[in-house]
Amino acid sequence: MEDIRAKSWVVGITGASGSIYGVRLVETLLSLGYHVDLIITNAGWRVLSEELGWGASQREAVMHEKFAGYEDALTYHPIGDIGATIASGSYRVEGMIIMPCSMGTLSSVAHGTSDNLMGRAADVMMKEGRPLVLVPRETPLHAIHLENMLKLARLGVKIIPAMPAFYFHPQSLDDLVHFLVGKVLDSLRIEHQLYRRWGE
């Protein structure tokens, strides 16, 4: 039988600053017709509260409010649910993006600890040979951070640091957010119109 389920991407949001990046990525994927399996770490919820004013006490209700109209295309997975669909390689997804990615989560992925659903889902992407994109957001970086990124890059993980460009003359913070989300989508060969490309 033909599988008519929408193609799905796993998106992880961690406790690194820049939660708007992950939220905008989810919004964009949903608007493009993809299904999204979303994981947010406990620290990620705190940053969403601090940076975007999201309430963290009623998480399922917040998901319905913030992504209204896309409830059927979004599946929220609690960080401790190691029995979730995305913890298994037999569950079909296109790949995974962790945006923003904290150094703690990056280290967990680099060392294969799989100590929560975020780490396990990332581990599944690697063992199944599916795309895995990490968007680290930290500065300055010390040697351990850099070594972990190098280790993952050598394993085929795409590292896209949260570094905005200015050649397209951004006029707002949204422009900078869209640029970075667009670069992630470019790496996954997903068509979008989020920013003006060089030469356009």
C-alpha atoms as a PDB file:
ATOM      1  CA  MET A   1       0.000   0.000   0.000  1.00  0.00           C
ATOM      2  CA  GLU A   2       1.149   3.538  -0.735  1.00  0.00           C
ATOM      3  CA  ASP A   3       2.252   5.524   2.315  1.00  0.00           C
ATOM      4  CA  ILE A   4       0.319   8.813   2.131  1.00  0.00           C
ATOM      5  CA  ARG A   5       1.530  10.137   5.497  1.00  0.00           C
ATOM      6  CA  ALA A   6       3.256  13.514   5.191  1.00  0.00           C
ATOM      7  CA  LYS A   7       7.030  13.382   5.309  1.00  0.00           C
ATOM      8  CA  SER A   8       8.201  14.007   8.838  1.00  0.00           C
ATOM      9  CA  TRP A   9      11.166  15.815  10.363  1.00  0.00           C
ATOM     10  CA  VAL A  10      12.259  15.614  13.980  1.00  0.00           C
ATOM     11  CA  VAL A  11      13.023  19.007  15.525  1.00  0.00           C
ATOM     12  CA  GLY A  12      14.762  19.430  18.859  1.00  0.00           C
ATOM     13  CA  ILE A  13      14.907  22.654  20.884  1.00  0.00           C
ATOM     14  CA  THR A  14      17.419  22.772  23.742  1.00  0.00           C
ATOM     15  CA  GLY A  15      18.345  25.226  26.478  1.00  0.00           C
ATOM     16  CA  ALA A  16      20.735  27.245  24.336  1.00  0.00           C
ATOM     17  CA  SER A  17      19.741  30.851  23.732  1.00  0.00           C
ATOM     18  CA  GLY A  18      17.987  31.404  20.409  1.00  0.00           C
ATOM     19  CA  SER A  19      14.785  29.428  20.929  1.00  0.00           C
ATOM     20  CA  ILE A  20      13.141  31.544  18.219  1.00  0.00           C
ATOM     21  CA  TYR A  21      15.282  29.670  15.684  1.00  0.00           C
ATOM     22  CA  GLY A  22      13.697  26.348  16.566  1.00  0.00           C
ATOM     23  CA  VAL A  23      10.190  27.784  16.737  1.00  0.00           C
ATOM     24  CA  ARG A  24      10.538  29.429  13.325  1.00  0.00           C
ATOM     25  CA  LEU A  25      11.912  26.184  11.873  1.00  0.00           C
ATOM     26  CA  VAL A  26       8.878  24.277  13.138  1.00  0.00           C
ATOM     27  CA  GLU A  27       6.512  26.937  11.786  1.00  0.00           C
ATOM     28  CA  THR A  28       8.214  26.841   8.380  1.00  0.00           C
ATOM     29  CA  LEU A  29       8.204  23.047   8.072  1.00  0.00           C
ATOM     30  CA  LEU A  30       4.526  22.907   9.027  1.00  0.00           C
ATOM     31  CA  SER A  31       3.660  25.631   6.515  1.00  0.00           C
ATOM     32  CA  LEU A  32       5.480  23.654   3.800  1.00  0.00           C
ATOM     33  CA  GLY A  33       3.301  20.609   4.455  1.00  0.00           C
ATOM     34  CA  TYR A  34       5.668  18.481   6.521  1.00  0.00           C
ATOM     35  CA  HIS A  35       4.837  16.642   9.725  1.00  0.00           C
ATOM     36  CA  VAL A  36       7.007  17.628  12.695  1.00  0.00           C
ATOM     37  CA  ASP A  37       7.968  15.463  15.666  1.00  0.00           C
ATOM     38  CA  LEU A  38       9.007  18.011  18.286  1.00  0.00           C
ATOM     39  CA  ILE A  39      11.192  17.497  21.368  1.00  0.00           C
ATOM     40  CA  ILE A  40      12.014  20.257  23.855  1.00  0.00           C
ATOM     41  CA  THR A  41      14.411  19.738  26.749  1.00  0.00           C
ATOM     42  CA  ASN A  42      13.486  20.998  30.205  1.00  0.00           C
ATOM     43  CA  ALA A  43      16.120  23.701  29.844  1.00  0.00           C
ATOM     44  CA  GLY A  44      14.637  24.471  26.435  1.00  0.00           C
ATOM     45  CA  TRP A  45      11.260  25.127  28.054  1.00  0.00           C
ATOM     46  CA  ARG A  46      12.903  27.533  30.467  1.00  0.00           C
ATOM     47  CA  VAL A  47      14.549  29.454  27.624  1.00  0.00           C
ATOM     48  CA  LEU A  48      11.249  29.549  25.698  1.00  0.00           C
ATOM     49  CA  SER A  49       9.711  31.085  28.803  1.00  0.00           C
ATOM     50  CA  GLU A  50      12.543  33.590  29.293  1.00  0.00           C
ATOM     51  CA  GLU A  51      12.960  34.612  25.645  1.00  0.00           C
ATOM     52  CA  LEU A  52       9.471  34.229  24.162  1.00  0.00           C
ATOM     53  CA  GLY A  53       7.174  34.272  27.187  1.00  0.00           C
ATOM     54  CA  TRP A  54       5.923  30.713  26.711  1.00  0.00           C
ATOM     55  CA  GLY A  55       4.269  29.098  29.725  1.00  0.00           C
ATOM     56  CA  ALA A  56       6.021  25.883  30.726  1.00  0.00           C
ATOM     57  CA  SER A  57       3.474  24.475  33.176  1.00  0.00           C
ATOM     58  CA  GLN A  58       0.869  23.307  30.615  1.00  0.00           C
ATOM     59  CA  ARG A  59       3.099  22.153  27.804  1.00  0.00           C
ATOM     60  CA  GLU A  60       0.560  20.315  25.646  1.00  0.00           C
ATOM     61  CA  ALA A  61      -1.792  23.317  25.841  1.00  0.00           C
ATOM     62  CA  VAL A  62       1.033  25.637  24.800  1.00  0.00           C
ATOM     63  CA  MET A  63       1.724  23.458  21.762  1.00  0.00           C
ATOM     64  CA  HIS A  64      -1.913  23.753  20.669  1.00  0.00           C
ATOM     65  CA  GLU A  65      -1.873  27.513  21.200  1.00  0.00           C
ATOM     66  CA  LYS A  66       1.413  28.297  19.477  1.00  0.00           C
ATOM     67  CA  PHE A  67       0.880  25.978  16.503  1.00  0.00           C
ATOM     68  CA  ALA A  68      -2.876  26.400  16.134  1.00  0.00           C
ATOM     69  CA  GLY A  69      -4.190  24.992  12.880  1.00  0.00           C
ATOM     70  CA  TYR A  70      -1.382  22.467  12.588  1.00  0.00           C
ATOM     71  CA  GLU A  71      -2.342  20.139  15.445  1.00  0.00           C
ATOM     72  CA  ASP A  72      -2.674  17.140  13.125  1.00  0.00           C
ATOM     73  CA  ALA A  73       0.774  17.785  11.643  1.00  0.00           C
ATOM     74  CA  LEU A  74       2.645  18.244  14.927  1.00  0.00           C
ATOM     75  CA  THR A  75       3.498  15.568  17.483  1.00  0.00           C
ATOM     76  CA  TYR A  76       5.030  16.778  20.741  1.00  0.00           C
ATOM     77  CA  HIS A  77       7.173  14.230  22.590  1.00  0.00           C
ATOM     78  CA  PRO A  78       8.117  14.741  26.273  1.00  0.00           C
ATOM     79  CA  ILE A  79      11.889  14.624  26.743  1.00  0.00           C
ATOM     80  CA  GLY A  80      11.693  11.597  29.052  1.00  0.00           C
ATOM     81  CA  ASP A  81       9.532   9.458  26.751  1.00  0.00           C
ATOM     82  CA  ILE A  82      12.125   6.931  25.636  1.00  0.00           C
ATOM     83  CA  GLY A  83       9.317   4.767  24.242  1.00  0.00           C
ATOM     84  CA  ALA A  84       8.308   7.433  21.722  1.00  0.00           C
ATOM     85  CA  THR A  85       8.073   6.534  18.040  1.00  0.00           C
ATOM     86  CA  ILE A  86      11.161   8.575  17.178  1.00  0.00           C
ATOM     87  CA  ALA A  87      13.269   6.471  19.553  1.00  0.00           C
ATOM     88  CA  SER A  88      13.060   3.623  17.046  1.00  0.00           C
ATOM     89  CA  GLY A  89      14.835   3.314  13.731  1.00  0.00           C
ATOM     90  CA  SER A  90      11.775   1.606  12.267  1.00  0.00           C
ATOM     91  CA  TYR A  91       9.788   4.853  12.540  1.00  0.00           C
ATOM     92  CA  ARG A  92      10.104   6.658   9.229  1.00  0.00           C
ATOM     93  CA  VAL A  93      11.346  10.239   9.317  1.00  0.00           C
ATOM     94  CA  GLU A  94      13.427  12.229   6.865  1.00  0.00           C
ATOM     95  CA  GLY A  95      15.966  13.385   9.441  1.00  0.00           C
ATOM     96  CA  MET A  96      16.475  15.575  12.502  1.00  0.00           C
ATOM     97  CA  ILE A  97      17.459  19.140  13.307  1.00  0.00           C
ATOM     98  CA  ILE A  98      18.443  20.339  16.793  1.00  0.00           C
ATOM     99  CA  MET A  99      18.057  24.119  16.697  1.00  0.00           C
ATOM    100  CA  PRO A 100      19.403  25.705  18.808  1.00  0.00           C
ATOM    101  CA  CYS A 101      21.736  23.032  20.151  1.00  0.00           C
ATOM    102  CA  SER A 102      23.323  23.472  23.567  1.00  0.00           C
ATOM    103  CA  MET A 103      26.842  22.288  24.223  1.00  0.00           C
ATOM    104  CA  GLY A 104      25.464  19.737  26.688  1.00  0.00           C
ATOM    105  CA  THR A 105      23.214  18.183  24.056  1.00  0.00           C
ATOM    106  CA  LEU A 106      25.994  18.335  21.469  1.00  0.00           C
ATOM    107  CA  SER A 107      28.286  16.477  23.864  1.00  0.00           C
ATOM    108  CA  SER A 108      25.608  13.862  24.547  1.00  0.00           C
ATOM    109  CA  VAL A 109      25.160  13.259  20.815  1.00  0.00           C
ATOM    110  CA  ALA A 110      28.919  13.150  20.213  1.00  0.00           C
ATOM    111  CA  HIS A 111      29.376  10.488  22.890  1.00  0.00           C
ATOM    112  CA  GLY A 112      26.228   8.457  22.157  1.00  0.00           C
ATOM    113  CA  THR A 113      24.928   8.578  25.732  1.00  0.00           C
ATOM    114  CA  SER A 114      21.235   8.571  24.679  1.00  0.00           C
ATOM    115  CA  ASP A 115      20.283   9.705  28.189  1.00  0.00           C
ATOM    116  CA  ASN A 116      16.980  11.249  27.070  1.00  0.00           C
ATOM    117  CA  LEU A 117      14.730  11.250  23.999  1.00  0.00           C
ATOM    118  CA  MET A 118      16.697  14.048  22.327  1.00  0.00           C
ATOM    119  CA  GLY A 119      19.942  12.103  22.481  1.00  0.00           C
ATOM    120  CA  ARG A 120      18.276   8.833  21.534  1.00  0.00           C
ATOM    121  CA  ALA A 121      16.506  10.329  18.509  1.00  0.00           C
ATOM    122  CA  ALA A 122      19.789  11.863  17.319  1.00  0.00           C
ATOM    123  CA  ASP A 123      21.522   8.522  17.829  1.00  0.00           C
ATOM    124  CA  VAL A 124      18.831   6.852  15.704  1.00  0.00           C
ATOM    125  CA  MET A 125      19.476   9.326  12.867  1.00  0.00           C
ATOM    126  CA  MET A 126      23.165   8.473  12.904  1.00  0.00           C
ATOM    127  CA  LYS A 127      22.764   4.704  13.081  1.00  0.00           C
ATOM    128  CA  GLU A 128      20.152   4.745  10.309  1.00  0.00           C
ATOM    129  CA  GLY A 129      22.214   7.041   8.086  1.00  0.00           C
ATOM    130  CA  ARG A 130      19.626   9.828   8.063  1.00  0.00           C
ATOM    131  CA  PRO A 131      20.446  13.538   7.967  1.00  0.00           C
ATOM    132  CA  LEU A 132      21.248  15.095  11.333  1.00  0.00           C
ATOM    133  CA  VAL A 133      21.777  18.853  11.597  1.00  0.00           C
ATOM    134  CA  LEU A 134      22.981  20.600  14.747  1.00  0.00           C
ATOM    135  CA  VAL A 135      22.822  24.372  15.153  1.00  0.00           C
ATOM    136  CA  PRO A 136      25.138  25.204  18.073  1.00  0.00           C
ATOM    137  CA  ARG A 137      24.604  28.547  19.776  1.00  0.00           C
ATOM    138  CA  GLU A 138      27.435  29.319  22.172  1.00  0.00           C
ATOM    139  CA  THR A 139      30.304  31.780  22.395  1.00  0.00           C
ATOM    140  CA  PRO A 140      33.166  31.662  23.044  1.00  0.00           C
ATOM    141  CA  LEU A 141      33.926  28.039  22.257  1.00  0.00           C
ATOM    142  CA  HIS A 142      36.581  26.066  24.105  1.00  0.00           C
ATOM    143  CA  ALA A 143      38.522  23.043  22.884  1.00  0.00           C
ATOM    144  CA  ILE A 144      36.037  20.428  24.116  1.00  0.00           C
ATOM    145  CA  HIS A 145      33.194  22.138  22.218  1.00  0.00           C
ATOM    146  CA  LEU A 146      35.295  22.240  19.067  1.00  0.00           C
ATOM    147  CA  GLU A 147      36.483  18.643  19.434  1.00  0.00           C
ATOM    148  CA  ASN A 148      32.902  17.415  19.841  1.00  0.00           C
ATOM    149  CA  MET A 149      31.828  19.315  16.718  1.00  0.00           C
ATOM    150  CA  LEU A 150      34.756  17.916  14.752  1.00  0.00           C
ATOM    151  CA  LYS A 151      33.954  14.384  15.899  1.00  0.00           C
ATOM    152  CA  LEU A 152      30.342  14.738  14.748  1.00  0.00           C
ATOM    153  CA  ALA A 153      31.297  16.413  11.459  1.00  0.00           C
ATOM    154  CA  ARG A 154      33.577  13.479  10.676  1.00  0.00           C
ATOM    155  CA  LEU A 155      30.601  11.161  11.258  1.00  0.00           C
ATOM    156  CA  GLY A 156      28.556  13.043   8.681  1.00  0.00           C
ATOM    157  CA  VAL A 157      26.573  15.285  11.017  1.00  0.00           C
ATOM    158  CA  LYS A 158      25.985  18.747   9.554  1.00  0.00           C
ATOM    159  CA  ILE A 159      27.123  21.540  11.890  1.00  0.00           C
ATOM    160  CA  ILE A 160      25.510  24.909  11.099  1.00  0.00           C
ATOM    161  CA  PRO A 161      26.494  27.462  13.760  1.00  0.00           C
ATOM    162  CA  ALA A 162      24.032  30.245  14.521  1.00  0.00           C
ATOM    163  CA  MET A 163      26.005  32.835  12.562  1.00  0.00           C
ATOM    164  CA  PRO A 164      23.871  35.299  10.582  1.00  0.00           C
ATOM    165  CA  ALA A 165      25.064  36.928   7.362  1.00  0.00           C
ATOM    166  CA  PHE A 166      24.633  40.559   6.405  1.00  0.00           C
ATOM    167  CA  TYR A 167      25.204  40.607   2.643  1.00  0.00           C
ATOM    168  CA  PHE A 168      21.447  40.586   2.028  1.00  0.00           C
ATOM    169  CA  HIS A 169      21.017  43.762   4.128  1.00  0.00           C
ATOM    170  CA  PRO A 170      18.725  42.472   6.878  1.00  0.00           C
ATOM    171  CA  GLN A 171      16.256  45.033   8.161  1.00  0.00           C
ATOM    172  CA  SER A 172      14.990  43.218  11.253  1.00  0.00           C
ATOM    173  CA  LEU A 173      15.686  40.412  13.712  1.00  0.00           C
ATOM    174  CA  ASP A 174      13.186  38.325  11.759  1.00  0.00           C
ATOM    175  CA  ASP A 175      15.388  38.688   8.677  1.00  0.00           C
ATOM    176  CA  LEU A 176      18.346  37.262  10.608  1.00  0.00           C
ATOM    177  CA  VAL A 177      16.261  34.403  12.005  1.00  0.00           C
ATOM    178  CA  HIS A 178      14.885  33.593   8.554  1.00  0.00           C
ATOM    179  CA  PHE A 179      18.388  33.523   7.102  1.00  0.00           C
ATOM    180  CA  LEU A 180      19.590  30.910   9.557  1.00  0.00           C
ATOM    181  CA  VAL A 181      16.459  28.779   9.236  1.00  0.00           C
ATOM    182  CA  GLY A 182      16.841  29.045   5.469  1.00  0.00           C
ATOM    183  CA  LYS A 183      20.436  27.837   5.628  1.00  0.00           C
ATOM    184  CA  VAL A 184      19.279  24.773   7.577  1.00  0.00           C
ATOM    185  CA  LEU A 185      16.587  24.064   5.002  1.00  0.00           C
ATOM    186  CA  ASP A 186      19.138  24.526   2.202  1.00  0.00           C
ATOM    187  CA  SER A 187      21.326  21.849   3.783  1.00  0.00           C
ATOM    188  CA  LEU A 188      18.350  19.471   3.680  1.00  0.00           C
ATOM    189  CA  ARG A 189      17.404  20.442   0.101  1.00  0.00           C
ATOM    190  CA  ILE A 190      14.054  21.840   1.178  1.00  0.00           C
ATOM    191  CA  GLU A 191      12.812  24.660  -1.055  1.00  0.00           C
ATOM    192  CA  HIS A 192      11.881  27.928   0.670  1.00  0.00           C
ATOM    193  CA  GLN A 193      11.709  31.696   0.177  1.00  0.00           C
ATOM    194  CA  LEU A 194      12.993  32.825   3.555  1.00  0.00           C
ATOM    195  CA  TYR A 195      15.854  35.064   2.430  1.00  0.00           C
ATOM    196  CA  ARG A 196      17.312  36.729  -0.642  1.00  0.00           C
ATOM    197  CA  ARG A 197      20.248  34.770  -2.023  1.00  0.00           C
ATOM    198  CA  TRP A 198      23.523  36.220  -3.200  1.00  0.00           C
ATOM    199  CA  GLY A 199      23.133  37.543  -6.723  1.00  0.00           C
ATOM    200  CA  GLU A 200      19.341  37.782  -6.584  1.00  0.00           C
END
